[in-house]
Amino acid sequence: MAGLEQMTPHSRPQSETAPAAALTGALEAIGTGAYVVDPEGRIIAVNSRAEELLARPTEELLGRDAHDLLHRDAHGQRLPRTQCSMRQAFHTGRPAQGEADYFARGDGSVLPISWLITPYDIGGGSGTLVVFHTSDHAQKAGRQPGSAATPLSQLERLALLAETTTQLTSTLDVDEALRRLVTLVVPRLADWAVVDLITERDEVWRALVVHADGDTLVQLEDLQGPMPPIPEQSPMPLSKALRGVASAVAGPETYQREPDSGIAVEQRRLFDATGIHSAAIAPIRSTREVLGALTLGRAGHPGKFTTADLPLIEDIARRAGLALDNARLYERQRKVAETMQNHLLPQMPQVPGLQMTVRYLPAPDASQVGGDWYDAFSLSDGATALAVGDVVGHDLEAAAGMAQVRNMLRAYAWALREPPSRIVDRLDEAVMHITEVAMATMILARIEETDHGHWMLSWTNAGHPPPLLISHDGLARYLTDGHGLLLGTGSGRGRTDASVLLPPGSTLVLYTDGLIEEPGHTLDEGLSRLRRHAAALAHRPLASFTDQLLRRVRPAANDDDVALLALRTPGRT
């Protein structure tokens, strides 16, 4: 939203950003006029119903200060900011509503309105949702949303559904989606929320039992956990909801009769332990299947749920179902990608005298898993090959391309008793003609023991971040020689080799750019961070060195996978 926040009052975006488009989509689900303003009060998203009511196109609304453009008195005169009740409520940052106010329409007329405003997540920042309709439909003034003791007005229901859509569709983590769901409904609709989920093995798991303790939400973990199987014929409310049959209201008396299933026993235990005197239970469905059930319970106030409350709770549960289904599909994709990547990465050879360790960390986003790799293998002349690389792209195709490049590299390195540069030249030519890989970076090195018991490293670098060499005393330097173009350019220029005698007890680190690249920071900053921490960790055992290096250096905002190979030579005897 940064771009929108920087607009001048009369400017408009050239094209709608993805977050703004998502906001607009959420607002369209509201059955009356709605718009969202940024922290400065400028309109950043609007629905078509608001355009119609205000007789103004979206282009005339976006980027404008909502107060200056719309807020008027009954005679159409501009309201001083100090006299505008909506503006004052906006600055408090809390939900509020009012009636008998007026908006200026595009045709010069004045529109009597009732309104509700509430804080609203705008994707990485805070905004305010404004819901309004003509005052013919005004609800009783003075109610404050957020209290389960007072029935929600139609405006409040619409605002809650819009907020539910935005909150739940903006995460692909199941646990986070459940946390947001509970925060939305407790204590606004109830003081207890219970979520039962059907796992992919058709088992029922009570994922959350949460209640409001003042402003704090508290989990009752002893009521959470595995549940009995879903009975096929039970008419009890939760059993029917878990089968996707219907939603219902229930109370303690519903489960006082002889239980017909294990689930009924658990429901009786829930009512007894929580003191819930009234509950509404709705299925959580996706477009493909039933995912579970949402139970809202009231214990702290006398109001009971009625069948009139069920449509709203069903709408919320339906939105939760779509969000949970998306999150599950995402996690399934991520697991497939990680499993594929881990199976493609090789086991390290045992080289007498050398210590070696490797690490692979997948990207936080499943769609980013793919192209980073490492390798080490014995050569036909007794030396050991080391490689690390990155196939351009972040998906399963990149992972498949990585496997092709790595396997061809192994074949060439074993068959050709030539320097690394010649092997990579041959690989580059093959990649361009017999694979779908567009571009890739890599380092190929060979390490072998000399006649004097030292270790010699020779390498060539195809557009990859340089290796880092750290002495036993903590002196760290990058090996910048032997650098050439990345694979796939078709330049035909020959590559060069470089070599260095590794000091006793020294550590060599080969890595991919996910370790050092961070949005908003230069590559030199990342390289400096890596060198500084590697030098400080030089005395650690190699496994500890590697783990701590990843923990300290990998950027928190990293959106790429990381492959790392660390090697240590024997110390002085």
Protein backbone atom coordinates (compact mmCIF):
# COMPACT_ATOMS: atom_id res chain seq x y z
CA MET A 1 0.00 0.00 0.00
CA ALA A 2 3.00 2.31 0.14
CA GLY A 3 2.40 3.62 -3.35
CA LEU A 4 -1.18 4.63 -2.56
CA GLU A 5 -0.18 6.32 0.67
CA GLN A 6 2.18 8.59 -1.23
CA MET A 7 -0.48 9.90 -3.65
CA THR A 8 -1.47 13.53 -3.53
CA PRO A 9 -5.11 14.28 -2.77
CA HIS A 10 -6.06 14.59 -6.45
CA SER A 11 -3.83 11.88 -7.90
CA ARG A 12 -4.99 8.41 -8.88
CA PRO A 13 -3.17 5.12 -9.42
CA GLN A 14 -2.23 4.18 -12.95
CA SER A 15 -3.13 0.56 -12.22
CA GLU A 16 -4.57 -1.14 -9.20
CA THR A 17 -1.98 -2.91 -7.04
CA ALA A 18 -2.50 -6.52 -5.98
CA PRO A 19 -3.32 -5.58 -2.35
CA ALA A 20 -5.77 -2.91 -3.54
CA ALA A 21 -7.40 -5.40 -5.92
CA ALA A 22 -7.77 -7.88 -3.05
CA LEU A 23 -9.38 -5.17 -0.90
CA THR A 24 -11.80 -4.28 -3.68
CA GLY A 25 -12.75 -7.92 -4.11
CA ALA A 26 -13.48 -8.23 -0.39
CA LEU A 27 -15.60 -5.07 -0.42
CA GLU A 28 -17.73 -6.38 -3.29
CA ALA A 29 -19.01 -9.10 -0.95
CA ILE A 30 -20.65 -6.37 1.18
CA GLY A 31 -24.24 -5.69 0.22
CA THR A 32 -24.06 -1.96 0.74
CA GLY A 33 -21.66 0.94 0.17
CA ALA A 34 -18.14 0.41 1.52
CA TYR A 35 -14.70 1.88 1.17
CA VAL A 36 -11.34 1.62 2.95
CA VAL A 37 -9.13 4.54 3.94
CA ASP A 38 -5.44 4.54 4.83
CA PRO A 39 -4.09 5.97 8.13
CA GLU A 40 -4.22 9.47 6.61
CA GLY A 41 -7.90 9.16 5.73
CA ARG A 42 -7.39 8.76 1.95
CA ILE A 43 -9.62 6.30 0.08
CA ILE A 44 -7.66 3.28 -1.18
CA ALA A 45 -10.43 0.85 -2.17
CA VAL A 46 -14.13 1.16 -2.92
CA ASN A 47 -16.91 -1.19 -3.99
CA SER A 48 -19.38 -0.76 -6.84
CA ARG A 49 -22.33 -0.17 -4.48
CA ALA A 50 -20.51 2.87 -3.03
CA GLU A 51 -19.94 4.20 -6.55
CA GLU A 52 -23.67 3.88 -7.21
CA LEU A 53 -24.78 5.49 -3.95
CA LEU A 54 -22.29 8.34 -4.26
CA ALA A 55 -22.78 8.82 -8.01
CA ARG A 56 -19.00 8.88 -8.35
CA PRO A 57 -16.72 6.57 -10.36
CA THR A 58 -13.85 4.80 -8.61
CA GLU A 59 -11.35 7.09 -10.36
CA GLU A 60 -12.89 10.09 -8.64
CA LEU A 61 -12.69 8.45 -5.20
CA LEU A 62 -9.29 6.73 -5.02
CA GLY A 63 -6.56 8.82 -3.42
CA ARG A 64 -8.96 11.51 -2.17
CA ASP A 65 -9.33 12.56 1.45
CA ALA A 66 -12.67 11.01 2.44
CA HIS A 67 -13.62 13.81 4.82
CA ASP A 68 -12.92 16.62 2.38
CA LEU A 69 -14.64 14.85 -0.51
CA LEU A 70 -17.72 13.40 1.18
CA HIS A 71 -18.58 14.68 4.67
CA ARG A 72 -21.27 17.37 4.66
CA ASP A 73 -24.01 18.81 6.87
CA ALA A 74 -27.72 18.55 6.05
CA HIS A 75 -27.46 21.60 3.77
CA GLY A 76 -24.54 20.27 1.78
CA GLN A 77 -22.00 22.54 3.45
CA ARG A 78 -18.52 21.25 4.31
CA LEU A 79 -18.18 20.07 7.90
CA PRO A 80 -15.29 21.39 9.98
CA ARG A 81 -13.16 18.44 11.03
CA THR A 82 -13.73 19.24 14.69
CA GLN A 83 -17.51 18.88 14.18
CA CYS A 84 -17.44 15.66 12.17
CA SER A 85 -18.40 12.66 14.35
CA MET A 86 -17.07 10.14 11.81
CA ARG A 87 -13.72 11.91 11.62
CA GLN A 88 -13.44 11.98 15.40
CA ALA A 89 -14.30 8.27 15.60
CA PHE A 90 -11.70 7.56 12.89
CA HIS A 91 -8.96 9.09 15.05
CA THR A 92 -9.86 6.95 18.07
CA GLY A 93 -8.98 3.80 16.09
CA ARG A 94 -11.97 1.92 17.53
CA PRO A 95 -15.21 0.63 15.98
CA ALA A 96 -18.07 3.12 16.03
CA GLN A 97 -21.32 3.85 14.23
CA GLY A 98 -23.77 6.68 13.72
CA GLU A 99 -26.80 7.86 11.79
CA ALA A 100 -28.30 11.08 10.43
CA ASP A 101 -25.08 12.11 8.72
CA TYR A 102 -24.63 13.19 5.11
CA PHE A 103 -22.34 12.47 2.14
CA ALA A 104 -21.88 14.66 -0.92
CA ARG A 105 -22.84 12.89 -4.17
CA GLY A 106 -21.17 13.48 -7.49
CA ASP A 107 -24.29 15.13 -8.92
CA GLY A 108 -24.26 17.83 -6.22
CA SER A 109 -27.04 16.35 -4.08
CA VAL A 110 -26.69 15.28 -0.46
CA LEU A 111 -27.16 11.64 0.60
CA PRO A 112 -28.50 10.96 4.15
CA ILE A 113 -26.58 8.00 5.54
CA SER A 114 -26.01 5.78 8.55
CA TRP A 115 -22.50 4.42 8.92
CA LEU A 116 -20.14 2.07 10.72
CA ILE A 117 -16.36 2.27 10.84
CA THR A 118 -13.93 -0.35 12.12
CA PRO A 119 -10.15 -0.93 11.97
CA TYR A 120 -9.23 -3.01 8.91
CA ASP A 121 -6.12 -4.92 7.85
CA ILE A 122 -4.93 -3.62 4.48
CA GLY A 123 -2.14 -6.15 3.91
CA GLY A 124 0.94 -5.17 5.85
CA GLY A 125 -0.60 -2.07 7.41
CA SER A 126 -3.64 -0.70 9.21
CA GLY A 127 -6.59 1.00 7.61
CA THR A 128 -10.23 1.75 8.38
CA LEU A 129 -13.31 0.21 6.80
CA VAL A 130 -16.31 2.50 6.28
CA VAL A 131 -19.67 0.81 5.62
CA PHE A 132 -22.68 3.04 4.89
CA HIS A 133 -26.21 3.00 3.48
CA THR A 134 -29.06 5.42 3.14
CA SER A 135 -30.60 6.36 6.46
CA ASP A 136 -33.93 4.80 5.49
CA HIS A 137 -32.38 1.60 6.80
CA ALA A 138 -30.68 3.14 9.82
CA GLN A 139 -30.29 0.96 12.85
CA LYS A 140 -30.52 2.09 16.43
CA ALA A 141 -27.67 4.51 17.10
CA GLY A 142 -25.18 4.32 19.91
CA ARG A 143 -24.29 0.62 19.78
CA GLN A 144 -20.63 -0.26 19.76
CA PRO A 145 -19.55 -3.30 17.72
CA GLY A 146 -17.48 -5.91 19.47
CA SER A 147 -19.77 -6.79 22.34
CA ALA A 148 -21.32 -10.25 22.34
CA ALA A 149 -24.03 -8.95 24.67
CA THR A 150 -25.67 -6.85 21.93
CA PRO A 151 -27.05 -8.24 18.66
CA LEU A 152 -25.13 -7.02 15.63
CA SER A 153 -26.79 -4.56 13.31
CA GLN A 154 -26.92 -5.25 9.58
CA LEU A 155 -24.01 -2.85 9.05
CA GLU A 156 -21.95 -4.64 11.69
CA ARG A 157 -22.68 -8.02 10.10
CA LEU A 158 -21.56 -6.79 6.69
CA ALA A 159 -18.41 -5.27 8.15
CA LEU A 160 -17.64 -8.50 10.01
CA LEU A 161 -18.02 -10.59 6.85
CA ALA A 162 -15.76 -8.23 4.89
CA GLU A 163 -13.13 -8.34 7.62
CA THR A 164 -13.40 -12.13 7.78
CA THR A 165 -12.81 -12.42 4.05
CA THR A 166 -9.74 -10.19 4.12
CA GLN A 167 -8.22 -11.66 7.27
CA LEU A 168 -8.65 -15.32 6.35
CA THR A 169 -7.69 -15.12 2.68
CA SER A 170 -4.46 -13.25 3.40
CA THR A 171 -2.71 -16.19 5.08
CA LEU A 172 -1.74 -19.67 3.85
CA ASP A 173 -0.91 -21.03 7.29
CA VAL A 174 -3.58 -23.23 8.90
CA ASP A 175 -2.73 -22.29 12.49
CA GLU A 176 -2.66 -18.58 11.67
CA ALA A 177 -6.00 -18.83 9.84
CA LEU A 178 -7.56 -20.47 12.91
CA ARG A 179 -6.10 -17.83 15.20
CA ARG A 180 -7.55 -15.06 13.02
CA LEU A 181 -10.93 -16.80 12.86
CA VAL A 182 -11.17 -16.99 16.64
CA THR A 183 -10.07 -13.37 17.03
CA LEU A 184 -12.83 -12.26 14.66
CA VAL A 185 -15.70 -13.98 16.47
CA VAL A 186 -14.63 -13.78 20.13
CA PRO A 187 -15.95 -11.75 21.92
CA ARG A 188 -17.86 -10.10 19.09
CA LEU A 189 -20.33 -12.97 18.67
CA ALA A 190 -19.58 -15.27 21.59
CA ASP A 191 -17.24 -15.71 24.54
CA TRP A 192 -16.22 -19.26 23.48
CA ALA A 193 -15.04 -20.59 20.12
CA VAL A 194 -14.36 -24.24 19.31
CA VAL A 195 -12.92 -25.52 16.03
CA ASP A 196 -13.07 -29.21 15.11
CA LEU A 197 -11.16 -30.21 11.98
CA ILE A 198 -11.33 -33.35 9.86
CA THR A 199 -7.79 -34.43 9.01
CA GLU A 200 -6.69 -35.81 5.66
CA ARG A 201 -6.98 -39.29 7.20
CA ASP A 202 -10.66 -38.64 8.02
CA GLU A 203 -9.96 -38.33 11.72
CA VAL A 204 -11.49 -35.56 13.83
CA TRP A 205 -9.21 -33.29 15.82
CA ARG A 206 -10.41 -30.61 18.23
CA ALA A 207 -7.94 -27.97 17.08
CA LEU A 208 -8.97 -25.03 19.28
CA VAL A 209 -11.02 -24.35 22.40
CA VAL A 210 -10.69 -20.64 23.20
CA HIS A 211 -12.53 -18.25 25.48
CA ALA A 212 -12.35 -14.54 26.20
CA ASP A 213 -10.90 -13.53 29.55
CA GLY A 214 -11.37 -9.77 29.39
CA ASP A 215 -9.31 -8.63 26.41
CA THR A 216 -7.24 -11.84 26.38
CA LEU A 217 -8.03 -15.02 24.47
CA VAL A 218 -7.13 -18.16 26.43
CA GLN A 219 -6.82 -21.71 25.07
CA LEU A 220 -8.00 -24.70 27.09
CA GLU A 221 -5.50 -27.26 25.86
CA ASP A 222 -6.90 -30.08 28.00
CA LEU A 223 -10.11 -29.92 25.92
CA GLN A 224 -8.21 -29.99 22.62
CA GLY A 225 -6.89 -33.04 20.83
CA PRO A 226 -8.20 -36.19 19.11
CA MET A 227 -11.94 -36.81 18.87
CA PRO A 228 -13.95 -40.01 18.26
CA PRO A 229 -15.00 -40.84 14.68
CA ILE A 230 -17.96 -39.15 13.01
CA PRO A 231 -21.14 -41.24 13.45
CA GLU A 232 -22.95 -41.84 10.17
CA GLN A 233 -26.53 -41.50 11.40
CA SER A 234 -26.40 -39.40 14.57
CA PRO A 235 -28.91 -36.51 14.68
CA MET A 236 -26.80 -34.60 17.24
CA PRO A 237 -25.78 -31.06 16.15
CA LEU A 238 -21.99 -31.48 16.01
CA SER A 239 -22.22 -34.86 14.28
CA LYS A 240 -24.52 -33.38 11.63
CA ALA A 241 -22.23 -30.38 11.15
CA LEU A 242 -19.17 -32.61 10.71
CA ARG A 243 -21.08 -34.54 8.03
CA GLY A 244 -21.95 -31.24 6.37
CA VAL A 245 -25.68 -31.84 6.83
CA ALA A 246 -26.78 -28.70 8.67
CA SER A 247 -26.02 -26.03 11.24
CA ALA A 248 -27.95 -25.85 14.49
CA VAL A 249 -28.26 -24.23 17.90
CA ALA A 250 -27.64 -26.34 21.00
CA GLY A 251 -27.42 -26.16 24.77
CA PRO A 252 -26.27 -28.36 27.65
CA GLU A 253 -29.63 -30.12 27.62
CA THR A 254 -28.97 -31.28 24.06
CA TYR A 255 -26.23 -33.57 25.31
CA GLN A 256 -27.72 -34.63 28.66
CA ARG A 257 -29.57 -37.55 27.13
CA GLU A 258 -27.91 -40.96 26.68
CA PRO A 259 -24.98 -40.33 24.29
CA ASP A 260 -25.28 -42.01 20.90
CA SER A 261 -21.57 -41.67 20.03
CA GLY A 262 -18.15 -40.78 21.37
CA ILE A 263 -18.51 -37.31 19.92
CA ALA A 264 -21.62 -36.75 22.00
CA VAL A 265 -19.65 -37.70 25.11
CA GLU A 266 -16.97 -35.13 24.23
CA GLN A 267 -19.62 -32.47 23.63
CA ARG A 268 -21.13 -33.10 27.05
CA ARG A 269 -17.65 -32.73 28.55
CA LEU A 270 -17.20 -29.44 26.65
CA PHE A 271 -20.45 -27.96 27.94
CA ASP A 272 -19.74 -29.10 31.51
CA ALA A 273 -16.17 -27.74 31.54
CA THR A 274 -16.90 -24.38 29.92
CA GLY A 275 -20.30 -23.50 31.35
CA ILE A 276 -21.65 -22.76 27.85
CA HIS A 277 -25.41 -22.37 28.08
CA SER A 278 -26.04 -21.66 24.38
CA ALA A 279 -24.09 -22.68 21.28
CA ALA A 280 -24.35 -22.30 17.51
CA ILE A 281 -22.65 -25.01 15.43
CA ALA A 282 -21.96 -24.72 11.69
CA PRO A 283 -20.07 -26.86 9.16
CA ILE A 284 -16.75 -25.60 7.84
CA ARG A 285 -16.88 -26.47 4.14
CA SER A 286 -14.65 -25.95 1.14
CA THR A 287 -15.89 -26.21 -2.44
CA ARG A 288 -14.85 -29.88 -2.41
CA GLU A 289 -15.51 -31.31 1.04
CA VAL A 290 -16.39 -30.76 4.68
CA LEU A 291 -13.32 -29.68 6.64
CA GLY A 292 -14.78 -29.50 10.13
CA ALA A 293 -17.15 -27.51 12.29
CA LEU A 294 -17.21 -24.15 14.08
CA THR A 295 -18.92 -23.93 17.48
CA LEU A 296 -19.60 -20.56 19.09
CA GLY A 297 -20.64 -20.67 22.72
CA ARG A 298 -22.04 -18.18 25.21
CA ALA A 299 -21.45 -18.63 28.92
CA GLY A 300 -20.81 -15.19 30.39
CA HIS A 301 -24.02 -13.41 29.40
CA PRO A 302 -27.67 -14.45 29.27
CA GLY A 303 -28.30 -14.01 25.54
CA LYS A 304 -29.01 -17.23 23.65
CA PHE A 305 -28.30 -18.07 20.03
CA THR A 306 -31.35 -18.50 17.82
CA THR A 307 -31.82 -19.85 14.32
CA ALA A 308 -31.77 -16.22 13.12
CA ASP A 309 -28.05 -16.12 14.06
CA LEU A 310 -27.14 -19.14 11.94
CA PRO A 311 -26.89 -17.49 8.47
CA LEU A 312 -24.14 -15.14 9.70
CA ILE A 313 -22.22 -17.95 11.43
CA GLU A 314 -22.61 -20.14 8.33
CA ASP A 315 -21.18 -17.33 6.19
CA ILE A 316 -18.20 -16.99 8.50
CA ALA A 317 -17.65 -20.76 8.57
CA ARG A 318 -17.87 -20.89 4.76
CA ARG A 319 -15.16 -18.25 4.42
CA ALA A 320 -13.06 -20.12 6.97
CA GLY A 321 -13.49 -23.29 4.92
CA LEU A 322 -12.17 -21.65 1.76
CA ALA A 323 -9.18 -20.23 3.63
CA LEU A 324 -8.37 -23.55 5.32
CA ASP A 325 -8.70 -25.43 2.04
CA ASN A 326 -6.26 -23.05 0.36
CA ALA A 327 -3.85 -23.39 3.29
CA ARG A 328 -4.01 -27.19 3.15
CA LEU A 329 -3.41 -27.23 -0.60
CA TYR A 330 -0.46 -24.91 -0.10
CA GLU A 331 1.03 -27.11 2.63
CA ARG A 332 0.54 -30.19 0.45
CA GLN A 333 2.36 -28.47 -2.43
CA ARG A 334 5.11 -27.38 -0.10
CA LYS A 335 5.58 -30.90 1.24
CA VAL A 336 5.79 -32.31 -2.30
CA ALA A 337 8.35 -29.67 -3.31
CA GLU A 338 10.49 -30.17 -0.20
CA THR A 339 10.35 -33.97 -0.51
CA MET A 340 11.39 -33.77 -4.15
CA GLN A 341 14.21 -31.37 -3.38
CA ASN A 342 15.52 -33.45 -0.47
CA HIS A 343 15.47 -36.65 -2.54
CA LEU A 344 17.38 -34.92 -5.32
CA LEU A 345 20.15 -33.69 -3.02
CA PRO A 346 22.93 -36.25 -2.59
CA GLN A 347 24.70 -37.88 0.34
CA MET A 348 28.20 -36.61 1.00
CA PRO A 349 31.20 -38.90 0.38
CA GLN A 350 33.66 -39.79 3.12
CA VAL A 351 37.04 -38.22 2.33
CA PRO A 352 39.84 -39.26 4.73
CA GLY A 353 41.30 -36.21 6.47
CA LEU A 354 38.49 -33.81 5.48
CA GLN A 355 35.37 -32.82 7.36
CA MET A 356 32.33 -31.92 5.27
CA THR A 357 28.80 -30.89 6.14
CA VAL A 358 25.88 -29.66 4.04
CA ARG A 359 22.61 -27.91 4.72
CA TYR A 360 19.53 -27.18 2.63
CA LEU A 361 16.83 -24.78 3.87
CA PRO A 362 13.66 -24.49 1.76
CA ALA A 363 12.09 -21.14 1.04
CA PRO A 364 9.22 -20.03 3.32
CA ASP A 365 6.95 -19.97 0.26
CA ALA A 366 6.32 -23.38 -1.31
CA SER A 367 6.26 -21.80 -4.78
CA GLN A 368 9.86 -20.63 -4.22
CA VAL A 369 11.32 -24.09 -3.57
CA GLY A 370 13.42 -25.38 -6.39
CA GLY A 371 16.71 -24.44 -7.93
CA ASP A 372 19.44 -24.38 -5.25
CA TRP A 373 21.72 -27.42 -4.92
CA TYR A 374 25.03 -28.75 -3.67
CA ASP A 375 27.11 -31.81 -4.54
CA ALA A 376 30.34 -33.60 -3.66
CA PHE A 377 31.63 -36.79 -5.25
CA SER A 378 34.82 -38.71 -5.95
CA LEU A 379 36.55 -38.29 -9.32
CA SER A 380 38.21 -41.00 -11.40
CA ASP A 381 41.70 -39.64 -10.60
CA GLY A 382 41.14 -39.82 -6.82
CA ALA A 383 40.36 -36.11 -6.24
CA THR A 384 37.03 -34.95 -4.84
CA ALA A 385 34.66 -32.65 -6.73
CA LEU A 386 32.69 -29.95 -4.88
CA ALA A 387 29.83 -28.04 -6.44
CA VAL A 388 27.11 -25.60 -5.49
CA GLY A 389 24.67 -23.93 -7.84
CA ASP A 390 21.37 -22.22 -8.48
CA VAL A 391 19.10 -22.82 -11.48
CA VAL A 392 17.16 -19.67 -12.33
CA GLY A 393 13.52 -20.02 -11.29
CA HIS A 394 11.67 -20.88 -8.11
CA ASP A 395 9.35 -23.80 -8.68
CA LEU A 396 9.27 -27.52 -9.35
CA GLU A 397 10.53 -26.94 -12.90
CA ALA A 398 13.64 -25.30 -11.43
CA ALA A 399 14.10 -28.33 -9.14
CA ALA A 400 13.84 -30.67 -12.14
CA GLY A 401 16.31 -28.49 -14.09
CA MET A 402 18.67 -28.57 -11.12
CA ALA A 403 18.62 -32.37 -11.20
CA GLN A 404 19.48 -32.37 -14.91
CA VAL A 405 22.40 -29.98 -14.45
CA ARG A 406 23.78 -31.85 -11.45
CA ASN A 407 23.60 -35.25 -13.14
CA MET A 408 25.26 -34.01 -16.33
CA LEU A 409 27.96 -32.34 -14.26
CA ARG A 410 28.71 -35.61 -12.50
CA ALA A 411 29.01 -37.45 -15.81
CA TYR A 412 31.32 -34.87 -17.39
CA ALA A 413 33.47 -34.49 -14.27
CA TRP A 414 33.97 -38.26 -14.00
CA ALA A 415 34.68 -38.83 -17.71
CA LEU A 416 36.81 -35.77 -18.44
CA ARG A 417 40.09 -35.56 -16.60
CA GLU A 418 40.28 -31.83 -17.20
CA PRO A 419 40.34 -28.66 -15.10
CA PRO A 420 37.01 -27.40 -13.70
CA SER A 421 36.80 -24.64 -16.33
CA ARG A 422 36.82 -27.11 -19.23
CA ILE A 423 34.20 -29.31 -17.58
CA VAL A 424 31.89 -26.33 -17.00
CA ASP A 425 32.40 -25.19 -20.63
CA ARG A 426 31.20 -28.60 -21.83
CA LEU A 427 28.32 -28.52 -19.37
CA ASP A 428 27.28 -25.03 -20.52
CA GLU A 429 27.08 -26.19 -24.12
CA ALA A 430 25.01 -29.23 -23.18
CA VAL A 431 22.63 -27.26 -20.95
CA MET A 432 21.77 -24.93 -23.81
CA HIS A 433 20.98 -27.73 -26.25
CA ILE A 434 19.46 -30.64 -24.34
CA THR A 435 17.69 -29.13 -21.30
CA GLU A 436 14.95 -26.59 -20.61
CA VAL A 437 17.20 -24.70 -18.16
CA ALA A 438 17.38 -21.05 -19.18
CA MET A 439 20.23 -19.91 -16.94
CA ALA A 440 22.13 -21.15 -13.91
CA THR A 441 25.04 -20.14 -11.71
CA MET A 442 27.50 -22.54 -10.15
CA ILE A 443 30.93 -23.18 -8.72
CA LEU A 444 32.79 -26.36 -9.58
CA ALA A 445 35.88 -27.11 -7.51
CA ARG A 446 38.22 -30.04 -7.00
CA ILE A 447 40.17 -30.67 -3.84
CA GLU A 448 43.07 -33.09 -3.47
CA GLU A 449 45.85 -33.80 -1.05
CA THR A 450 49.37 -32.83 -2.12
CA ASP A 451 52.52 -34.87 -1.61
CA HIS A 452 53.33 -32.74 1.44
CA GLY A 453 50.04 -33.46 3.21
CA HIS A 454 48.41 -30.14 2.37
CA TRP A 455 45.11 -29.67 0.53
CA MET A 456 44.91 -27.91 -2.84
CA LEU A 457 41.66 -26.37 -4.06
CA SER A 458 41.12 -25.44 -7.73
CA TRP A 459 37.87 -24.03 -9.04
CA THR A 460 35.95 -22.08 -11.66
CA ASN A 461 33.03 -19.77 -10.94
CA ALA A 462 30.10 -19.39 -13.37
CA GLY A 463 28.42 -16.21 -12.11
CA HIS A 464 27.99 -17.47 -8.54
CA PRO A 465 28.70 -15.72 -5.20
CA PRO A 466 32.38 -16.32 -4.35
CA PRO A 467 33.57 -19.04 -1.94
CA LEU A 468 34.57 -17.91 1.53
CA LEU A 469 37.78 -19.20 3.14
CA ILE A 470 38.26 -18.77 6.91
CA SER A 471 41.54 -19.57 8.62
CA HIS A 472 41.73 -21.32 11.99
CA ASP A 473 42.59 -17.92 13.50
CA GLY A 474 39.44 -16.26 12.12
CA LEU A 475 40.86 -14.46 9.06
CA ALA A 476 38.18 -14.58 6.37
CA ARG A 477 38.51 -13.74 2.68
CA TYR A 478 36.50 -14.31 -0.46
CA LEU A 479 38.06 -16.30 -3.32
CA THR A 480 37.18 -13.96 -6.17
CA ASP A 481 39.48 -15.39 -8.87
CA GLY A 482 38.29 -17.78 -11.57
CA HIS A 483 35.10 -15.81 -12.11
CA GLY A 484 33.19 -16.08 -15.40
CA LEU A 485 29.73 -15.80 -16.94
CA LEU A 486 26.81 -17.84 -15.73
CA LEU A 487 25.54 -20.85 -17.70
CA GLY A 488 23.11 -20.29 -20.54
CA THR A 489 24.38 -16.99 -22.00
CA GLY A 490 25.76 -18.57 -25.19
CA SER A 491 28.74 -16.23 -25.19
CA GLY A 492 31.25 -18.93 -26.10
CA ARG A 493 33.96 -17.24 -24.04
CA GLY A 494 36.35 -19.63 -22.36
CA ARG A 495 36.40 -19.87 -18.58
CA THR A 496 39.37 -19.62 -16.26
CA ASP A 497 40.56 -21.61 -13.26
CA ALA A 498 42.00 -20.48 -9.95
CA SER A 499 43.73 -22.42 -7.19
CA VAL A 500 44.76 -21.96 -3.58
CA LEU A 501 46.56 -24.01 -0.94
CA LEU A 502 44.18 -24.35 2.01
CA PRO A 503 45.81 -23.58 5.39
CA PRO A 504 45.65 -26.28 8.10
CA GLY A 505 42.41 -26.13 10.09
CA SER A 506 40.78 -23.74 7.62
CA THR A 507 37.09 -23.75 6.67
CA LEU A 508 35.74 -23.36 3.15
CA VAL A 509 32.12 -22.27 2.64
CA LEU A 510 30.23 -22.67 -0.65
CA TYR A 511 26.67 -21.27 -0.57
CA THR A 512 23.82 -19.94 -2.69
CA ASP A 513 22.57 -16.38 -2.83
CA GLY A 514 19.59 -17.00 -0.55
CA LEU A 515 22.06 -16.82 2.34
CA ILE A 516 23.16 -13.27 1.62
CA GLU A 517 20.47 -11.49 -0.42
CA GLU A 518 17.93 -9.38 1.44
CA PRO A 519 15.33 -6.97 0.01
CA GLY A 520 16.36 -3.36 0.54
CA HIS A 521 20.03 -4.21 1.14
CA THR A 522 22.99 -4.44 -1.21
CA LEU A 523 24.82 -7.67 -2.02
CA ASP A 524 27.97 -6.21 -0.46
CA GLU A 525 26.11 -5.86 2.83
CA GLY A 526 25.15 -9.51 2.71
CA LEU A 527 28.69 -10.60 1.88
CA SER A 528 30.07 -8.48 4.71
CA ARG A 529 27.58 -10.01 7.15
CA LEU A 530 28.55 -13.52 6.10
CA ARG A 531 32.28 -12.85 6.41
CA ARG A 532 31.94 -11.23 9.83
CA HIS A 533 29.92 -14.07 11.35
CA ALA A 534 31.99 -16.81 9.71
CA ALA A 535 35.17 -15.32 11.21
CA ALA A 536 33.56 -15.17 14.66
CA LEU A 537 32.49 -18.83 14.43
CA ALA A 538 35.78 -20.22 13.09
CA HIS A 539 36.61 -22.01 16.37
CA ARG A 540 33.31 -23.94 16.46
CA PRO A 541 33.07 -27.62 15.44
CA LEU A 542 32.04 -27.78 11.80
CA ALA A 543 28.41 -28.85 12.36
CA SER A 544 27.91 -26.12 14.97
CA PHE A 545 29.70 -23.61 12.73
CA THR A 546 27.31 -24.37 9.89
CA ASP A 547 24.11 -24.26 11.92
CA GLN A 548 25.05 -21.03 13.69
CA LEU A 549 26.13 -19.43 10.42
CA LEU A 550 22.73 -20.13 8.86
CA ARG A 551 20.90 -18.89 11.94
CA ARG A 552 22.87 -15.65 12.14
CA VAL A 553 23.29 -14.78 8.48
CA ARG A 554 20.18 -15.90 6.63
CA PRO A 555 17.96 -12.78 6.34
CA ALA A 556 14.68 -12.82 8.22
CA ALA A 557 12.96 -11.54 5.07
CA ASN A 558 14.47 -14.33 2.97
CA ASP A 559 12.13 -15.60 0.25
CA ASP A 560 14.57 -18.02 -1.38
CA ASP A 561 15.94 -21.43 -0.55
CA VAL A 562 19.53 -21.85 0.64
CA ALA A 563 22.08 -24.56 -0.11
CA LEU A 564 25.38 -24.58 1.79
CA LEU A 565 28.45 -26.82 1.76
CA ALA A 566 31.16 -26.36 4.40
CA LEU A 567 34.52 -28.14 4.43
CA ARG A 568 37.33 -28.13 6.97
CA THR A 569 40.93 -29.26 6.49
CA PRO A 570 42.95 -31.07 9.18
CA GLY A 571 44.72 -28.90 11.75
CA ARG A 572 48.45 -28.78 12.32
CA THR A 573 49.95 -31.98 13.71
